[in-house]
N, C-alpha and C. Protein backbone atom coordinates (compact mmCIF):
# COMPACT_ATOMS: atom_id res chain seq x y z
N MET A 1 1.06 0.09 1.96
CA MET A 1 0.65 -0.92 2.52
C MET A 1 2.26 -1.64 2.89
N ASN A 2 2.47 -1.99 4.15
CA ASN A 2 3.22 -3.10 4.63
C ASN A 2 4.00 -3.98 3.67
N PRO A 3 4.98 -4.20 3.06
CA PRO A 3 5.41 -5.10 2.54
C PRO A 3 5.20 -6.62 2.92
N ARG A 4 5.78 -6.57 4.14
CA ARG A 4 5.63 -7.78 4.85
C ARG A 4 4.02 -8.51 5.28
N PHE A 5 3.17 -7.43 5.41
CA PHE A 5 1.92 -7.94 5.70
C PHE A 5 1.27 -8.26 4.40
N ARG A 6 1.66 -7.82 3.12
CA ARG A 6 1.19 -8.20 1.56
C ARG A 6 1.78 -9.32 1.15
N LYS A 7 3.00 -9.58 1.43
CA LYS A 7 3.72 -10.74 1.35
C LYS A 7 2.87 -11.96 1.76
N SER A 8 2.65 -11.71 3.52
CA SER A 8 2.00 -12.98 3.85
C SER A 8 0.39 -13.11 3.50
N LEU A 9 -0.24 -12.52 2.87
CA LEU A 9 -1.55 -12.81 2.20
C LEU A 9 -1.33 -12.73 0.62
N SER A 10 -0.47 -12.90 0.09
CA SER A 10 -0.21 -12.62 -1.27
C SER A 10 -0.57 -13.90 -1.71
N ASN A 11 -1.04 -15.25 -1.22
CA ASN A 11 -1.45 -16.52 -1.85
C ASN A 11 -3.11 -16.29 -1.59
N LYS A 12 -3.77 -15.55 -0.73
CA LYS A 12 -5.16 -15.26 -0.36
C LYS A 12 -5.68 -14.72 -1.26
N THR A 13 -7.01 -15.17 -1.90
CA THR A 13 -7.66 -14.42 -2.53
C THR A 13 -9.14 -13.95 -1.56
N PHE A 14 -9.40 -12.80 -1.49
CA PHE A 14 -10.45 -12.60 -1.09
C PHE A 14 -11.54 -12.00 -2.00
N LYS A 15 -12.84 -12.29 -1.35
CA LYS A 15 -14.17 -12.00 -1.82
C LYS A 15 -14.50 -10.36 -1.65
N THR A 16 -15.07 -9.73 -2.78
CA THR A 16 -15.17 -8.24 -2.57
C THR A 16 -16.33 -7.82 -2.96
N ASP A 17 -17.35 -8.75 -3.16
CA ASP A 17 -19.18 -8.37 -3.09
C ASP A 17 -19.52 -7.82 -1.93
N MET A 18 -20.53 -6.98 -1.71
CA MET A 18 -20.65 -6.30 -0.53
C MET A 18 -21.46 -7.41 0.29
N THR A 19 -22.21 -7.96 0.10
CA THR A 19 -22.65 -9.43 0.66
C THR A 19 -21.75 -9.93 1.61
N THR A 20 -20.70 -10.57 1.11
CA THR A 20 -19.70 -11.19 1.71
C THR A 20 -18.83 -10.51 2.92
N LEU A 21 -18.70 -8.93 2.17
CA LEU A 21 -18.34 -8.09 3.17
C LEU A 21 -19.04 -7.76 4.41
N ARG A 22 -20.19 -7.50 4.15
CA ARG A 22 -20.88 -7.15 5.41
C ARG A 22 -20.64 -8.59 6.53
N GLN A 23 -20.68 -9.56 5.82
CA GLN A 23 -20.75 -10.65 6.56
C GLN A 23 -18.96 -11.05 7.40
N GLU A 24 -18.21 -10.38 6.90
CA GLU A 24 -17.22 -10.69 7.15
C GLU A 24 -16.31 -9.87 7.87
N THR A 25 -17.18 -8.55 8.16
CA THR A 25 -16.42 -7.51 9.04
C THR A 25 -17.15 -6.81 10.17
N ASP A 26 -16.53 -6.40 10.94
CA ASP A 26 -16.86 -5.83 12.03
C ASP A 26 -17.14 -4.23 11.88
N VAL A 27 -18.40 -3.90 11.68
CA VAL A 27 -18.50 -2.17 12.04
C VAL A 27 -18.53 -1.73 13.31
N THR A 28 -17.71 -0.72 13.66
CA THR A 28 -17.88 -0.18 15.08
C THR A 28 -18.31 1.49 14.77
N PHE A 29 -18.74 2.03 15.26
CA PHE A 29 -18.94 3.90 15.38
C PHE A 29 -18.34 4.39 16.35
N TYR A 30 -18.05 5.60 16.22
CA TYR A 30 -17.41 6.29 17.26
C TYR A 30 -17.45 7.79 16.72
N ARG A 31 -17.16 8.61 17.81
CA ARG A 31 -17.43 10.06 17.54
C ARG A 31 -15.92 10.47 16.98
N SER A 32 -16.09 11.29 15.56
CA SER A 32 -15.07 11.74 14.97
C SER A 32 -14.47 12.99 15.68
N SER A 33 -13.14 13.21 15.61
CA SER A 33 -12.66 14.76 16.19
C SER A 33 -12.71 15.69 15.22
N GLY A 34 -12.36 16.87 15.73
CA GLY A 34 -12.08 17.99 14.59
C GLY A 34 -13.12 18.66 14.56
N PRO A 35 -13.16 19.86 13.72
CA PRO A 35 -13.92 20.85 13.50
C PRO A 35 -15.21 20.13 12.50
N SER A 36 -16.52 20.32 12.60
CA SER A 36 -17.47 20.44 11.20
C SER A 36 -18.82 20.55 12.23
N GLY A 37 -19.09 21.05 13.25
CA GLY A 37 -20.45 21.36 13.47
C GLY A 37 -21.00 20.99 14.62
N GLU A 38 -22.03 21.21 15.10
CA GLU A 38 -22.59 20.38 16.17
C GLU A 38 -23.11 18.89 16.18
N LYS A 39 -23.65 18.64 14.89
CA LYS A 39 -24.05 17.17 14.70
C LYS A 39 -23.03 16.21 14.82
N LYS A 40 -21.89 16.64 14.00
CA LYS A 40 -20.88 15.74 14.37
C LYS A 40 -20.00 15.76 15.48
N ASP A 41 -20.07 16.39 16.63
CA ASP A 41 -19.70 16.35 18.06
C ASP A 41 -20.32 15.86 18.85
N LYS A 42 -21.89 15.66 18.48
CA LYS A 42 -22.90 14.89 19.07
C LYS A 42 -23.09 13.56 18.99
N THR A 43 -22.82 13.08 17.95
CA THR A 43 -23.19 11.79 17.23
C THR A 43 -21.90 11.03 16.83
N ASP A 44 -22.62 9.71 16.84
CA ASP A 44 -21.22 8.65 16.54
C ASP A 44 -21.17 8.46 14.92
N THR A 45 -20.43 9.47 14.16
CA THR A 45 -20.81 9.46 12.62
C THR A 45 -19.45 8.88 12.33
N ALA A 46 -18.38 8.60 12.74
CA ALA A 46 -17.32 7.94 12.32
C ALA A 46 -17.40 6.50 12.13
N VAL A 47 -16.90 5.88 11.51
CA VAL A 47 -16.75 4.27 10.86
C VAL A 47 -15.78 3.49 11.07
N ARG A 48 -15.77 2.73 11.59
CA ARG A 48 -14.11 1.88 11.53
C ARG A 48 -14.56 0.29 11.23
N ILE A 49 -14.17 -0.15 9.89
CA ILE A 49 -14.41 -1.44 9.41
C ILE A 49 -13.31 -2.06 9.57
N SER A 50 -13.39 -3.15 10.46
CA SER A 50 -12.24 -4.31 10.14
C SER A 50 -12.83 -5.66 9.51
N HIS A 51 -11.86 -6.00 8.57
CA HIS A 51 -12.12 -7.45 8.06
C HIS A 51 -11.34 -8.52 8.52
N ARG A 52 -12.14 -9.32 9.20
CA ARG A 52 -11.62 -10.37 9.85
C ARG A 52 -10.39 -11.42 9.16
N PRO A 53 -10.91 -11.66 7.88
CA PRO A 53 -9.90 -12.59 7.16
C PRO A 53 -8.77 -12.04 6.90
N SER A 54 -8.78 -10.98 6.47
CA SER A 54 -7.30 -10.34 5.93
C SER A 54 -6.60 -9.47 7.29
N GLY A 55 -7.47 -8.86 8.09
CA GLY A 55 -7.33 -8.04 8.89
C GLY A 55 -7.01 -6.71 9.23
N LEU A 56 -7.18 -6.15 7.87
CA LEU A 56 -7.30 -4.91 7.35
C LEU A 56 -8.49 -3.91 8.16
N LYS A 57 -7.89 -2.93 8.67
CA LYS A 57 -9.03 -2.09 9.32
C LYS A 57 -9.06 -0.75 8.52
N VAL A 58 -10.21 -0.12 8.02
CA VAL A 58 -10.32 0.75 7.39
C VAL A 58 -11.26 2.22 8.09
N ILE A 59 -10.95 3.15 7.72
CA ILE A 59 -12.12 4.24 8.53
C ILE A 59 -12.20 5.43 8.02
N ALA A 60 -13.72 5.97 8.06
CA ALA A 60 -14.20 7.26 6.98
C ALA A 60 -14.62 8.08 8.31
N THR A 61 -13.84 9.51 8.44
CA THR A 61 -14.70 10.27 9.05
C THR A 61 -14.86 11.81 8.38
N GLU A 62 -14.99 11.45 6.99
CA GLU A 62 -15.19 12.75 6.40
C GLU A 62 -16.55 13.54 6.35
N HIS A 63 -17.63 12.81 5.96
CA HIS A 63 -19.04 13.40 6.49
C HIS A 63 -19.60 13.27 7.95
N ARG A 64 -20.79 14.32 7.70
CA ARG A 64 -21.50 13.99 9.14
C ARG A 64 -22.38 13.18 9.25
N SER A 65 -22.98 12.09 7.82
CA SER A 65 -23.83 11.29 8.27
C SER A 65 -22.78 10.36 8.24
N GLN A 66 -23.38 9.02 9.00
CA GLN A 66 -23.00 7.76 9.55
C GLN A 66 -22.92 6.73 8.02
N SER A 67 -24.08 6.91 7.66
CA SER A 67 -24.41 6.08 6.37
C SER A 67 -23.43 6.49 5.25
N LYS A 68 -23.03 7.49 5.29
CA LYS A 68 -22.11 8.11 4.03
C LYS A 68 -20.79 7.80 4.33
N ASN A 69 -20.77 7.62 5.65
CA ASN A 69 -19.18 7.33 5.92
C ASN A 69 -19.35 5.96 5.95
N ARG A 70 -20.07 5.28 6.16
CA ARG A 70 -19.91 3.60 5.95
C ARG A 70 -19.73 3.27 4.69
N GLN A 71 -20.50 3.82 3.78
CA GLN A 71 -20.51 3.38 2.22
C GLN A 71 -19.02 3.91 1.60
N LEU A 72 -18.82 4.76 2.20
CA LEU A 72 -17.13 5.56 2.03
C LEU A 72 -16.08 4.32 2.55
N ALA A 73 -16.56 3.64 3.80
CA ALA A 73 -15.52 2.72 4.20
C ALA A 73 -15.51 1.56 3.63
N PHE A 74 -16.84 1.08 3.25
CA PHE A 74 -16.65 -0.12 2.30
C PHE A 74 -16.11 0.16 1.07
N LYS A 75 -16.12 1.22 0.63
CA LYS A 75 -15.31 1.43 -0.66
C LYS A 75 -13.91 1.33 -0.54
N ARG A 76 -13.54 1.93 0.24
CA ARG A 76 -12.04 1.90 0.48
C ARG A 76 -11.54 0.51 1.10
N LEU A 77 -12.55 -0.47 1.77
CA LEU A 77 -12.22 -1.63 1.84
C LEU A 77 -11.92 -2.59 0.56
N GLN A 78 -13.11 -1.94 -0.09
CA GLN A 78 -12.97 -3.26 -1.54
C GLN A 78 -11.86 -2.69 -2.44
N LYS A 79 -11.36 -1.71 -2.68
CA LYS A 79 -10.07 -1.23 -3.02
C LYS A 79 -9.11 -1.96 -2.84
N LYS A 80 -8.89 -1.91 -1.29
CA LYS A 80 -8.01 -2.86 -0.59
C LYS A 80 -7.78 -3.90 -0.91
N LEU A 81 -8.87 -4.90 -0.72
CA LEU A 81 -8.85 -5.89 -1.25
C LEU A 81 -8.71 -6.27 -2.56
N LEU A 82 -8.97 -5.34 -3.50
CA LEU A 82 -9.04 -5.81 -4.78
C LEU A 82 -7.18 -5.50 -4.99
N GLU A 83 -6.58 -4.40 -4.22
CA GLU A 83 -5.17 -4.50 -4.28
C GLU A 83 -4.25 -5.86 -4.05
N LEU A 84 -4.79 -6.32 -2.85
CA LEU A 84 -4.33 -7.56 -2.26
C LEU A 84 -4.55 -8.93 -3.34
N ASN A 85 -5.41 -8.93 -4.00
CA ASN A 85 -5.99 -9.89 -4.75
C ASN A 85 -5.32 -9.58 -6.40
N LYS A 86 -4.48 -8.99 -6.33
CA LYS A 86 -3.67 -8.92 -7.87
C LYS A 86 -2.56 -9.24 -7.56
N THR A 87 -2.43 -10.51 -8.54
CA THR A 87 -0.98 -11.49 -8.51
C THR A 87 0.17 -10.32 -9.08
N SER A 88 1.51 -10.35 -8.73
CA SER A 88 2.49 -9.64 -9.16
C SER A 88 3.38 -11.05 -10.43
N LYS A 89 3.54 -9.94 -11.17
CA LYS A 89 4.37 -11.12 -12.20
C LYS A 89 5.56 -11.37 -11.35
N LYS A 90 6.23 -12.61 -11.93
CA LYS A 90 7.19 -13.07 -11.51
C LYS A 90 8.43 -12.36 -12.75
N LYS A 91 9.57 -11.88 -11.64
CA LYS A 91 10.68 -11.12 -12.25
C LYS A 91 11.74 -11.95 -12.80
N ILE A 92 12.19 -11.88 -13.82
CA ILE A 92 13.29 -12.90 -14.63
C ILE A 92 14.61 -12.12 -14.65
N PRO A 93 15.36 -12.60 -13.99
CA PRO A 93 16.82 -12.10 -13.68
C PRO A 93 17.46 -12.07 -15.11
N VAL A 94 17.91 -10.80 -15.36
CA VAL A 94 18.68 -10.70 -16.78
C VAL A 94 19.86 -10.30 -16.61
N GLN A 95 20.92 -10.72 -17.32
CA GLN A 95 22.16 -10.33 -16.94
C GLN A 95 22.67 -9.40 -18.22
N PRO A 96 23.30 -8.62 -18.20
CA PRO A 96 23.69 -7.47 -19.07
C PRO A 96 24.85 -8.34 -20.21
N PRO A 97 24.80 -7.97 -21.52
CA PRO A 97 25.74 -8.91 -22.52
C PRO A 97 27.23 -8.52 -22.22
N GLN A 98 27.65 -9.16 -22.69
CA GLN A 98 29.46 -9.06 -22.73
C GLN A 98 29.98 -7.78 -22.96
N ALA A 99 29.41 -7.20 -23.95
CA ALA A 99 29.86 -6.04 -24.85
C ALA A 99 29.52 -4.99 -23.83
N VAL A 100 28.67 -4.94 -22.80
CA VAL A 100 28.32 -3.78 -21.86
C VAL A 100 29.12 -4.20 -20.64
N LYS A 101 29.19 -5.12 -20.29
CA LYS A 101 30.32 -5.49 -19.34
C LYS A 101 31.74 -4.85 -19.67
N GLU A 102 31.91 -5.17 -20.92
CA GLU A 102 33.31 -4.82 -21.15
C GLU A 102 33.47 -3.06 -21.21
N LYS A 103 32.30 -2.42 -21.84
CA LYS A 103 32.36 -1.12 -21.63
C LYS A 103 32.37 -0.28 -20.40
N ARG A 104 31.69 -1.34 -19.36
CA ARG A 104 31.66 -0.74 -17.70
C ARG A 104 33.29 -0.61 -17.47
N LEU A 105 33.86 -2.09 -17.50
CA LEU A 105 35.54 -2.02 -16.90
C LEU A 105 35.96 -0.64 -18.00
N GLN A 106 36.02 -0.65 -19.07
CA GLN A 106 36.73 0.41 -19.54
C GLN A 106 36.93 1.39 -19.21
N GLY A 107 35.43 2.16 -19.08
CA GLY A 107 34.80 3.10 -18.00
C GLY A 107 35.84 3.67 -16.63
N LYS A 108 35.77 1.95 -15.71
CA LYS A 108 36.13 2.37 -14.67
C LYS A 108 37.59 2.21 -14.59
N LYS A 109 38.15 1.73 -15.67
CA LYS A 109 39.83 1.79 -16.01
C LYS A 109 40.24 3.17 -16.09
N LYS A 110 39.49 3.93 -17.05
CA LYS A 110 39.59 5.28 -17.40
C LYS A 110 39.67 6.23 -16.35
N THR A 111 38.57 6.21 -15.09
CA THR A 111 38.56 6.74 -13.97
C THR A 111 39.53 6.38 -13.23
N SER A 112 40.01 5.39 -13.22
CA SER A 112 41.20 4.88 -12.29
C SER A 112 42.17 5.54 -12.65
N LYS A 113 42.57 5.22 -13.85
CA LYS A 113 43.78 6.28 -14.27
C LYS A 113 43.92 7.80 -13.84
N THR A 114 42.80 8.32 -14.18
CA THR A 114 42.87 9.71 -13.85
C THR A 114 42.51 10.35 -12.30
N LYS A 115 42.14 8.97 -11.66
CA LYS A 115 42.64 9.67 -9.89
C LYS A 115 43.95 9.09 -9.87
N SER A 116 44.53 7.94 -10.41
CA SER A 116 45.94 7.98 -10.10
C SER A 116 46.87 8.90 -10.32
N PHE A 117 46.85 9.74 -11.50
CA PHE A 117 47.58 10.77 -11.99
C PHE A 117 47.35 12.15 -11.09
N ARG A 118 46.17 12.04 -9.90
CA ARG A 118 45.94 12.87 -9.07
C ARG A 118 46.71 12.80 -7.80
N SER A 119 47.11 11.60 -7.58
CA SER A 119 48.06 11.20 -6.52
C SER A 119 49.23 11.59 -6.71
N THR A 120 50.06 11.20 -8.05
CA THR A 120 51.05 11.91 -8.51
C THR A 120 51.59 13.13 -8.10
N VAL A 121 52.93 13.63 -7.45
CA VAL A 121 53.09 14.97 -7.40
C VAL A 121 54.34 15.28 -8.22
N SER A 122 54.70 15.97 -8.90
CA SER A 122 55.54 16.29 -9.88
C SER A 122 56.69 17.42 -9.30
């Protein structure tokens, strides 16, 4: 999921029960492409669900049955909304201890010395 999109929706919480989802979504059906037999080619079995409050869009085209695709799309939408509802923990900036800083500087000085010896010609 796009991080900017997630950040803009991070302070909102969305209801994930099926009754409210059915009220807050637009369900459209269309013909899915690809091989899978005559029935899939003739009927509108693919399902696209767009959730108006969040702007999420979910599709399901796996099955030849429209009802199975609709159930699958609603499950996917619920999963995405639950992911959006999760609150992330605040990260606490941690500074390394002084001993670690000194050890890092000693290592840098050592590599600097070895490199300086390479440049001198004897």
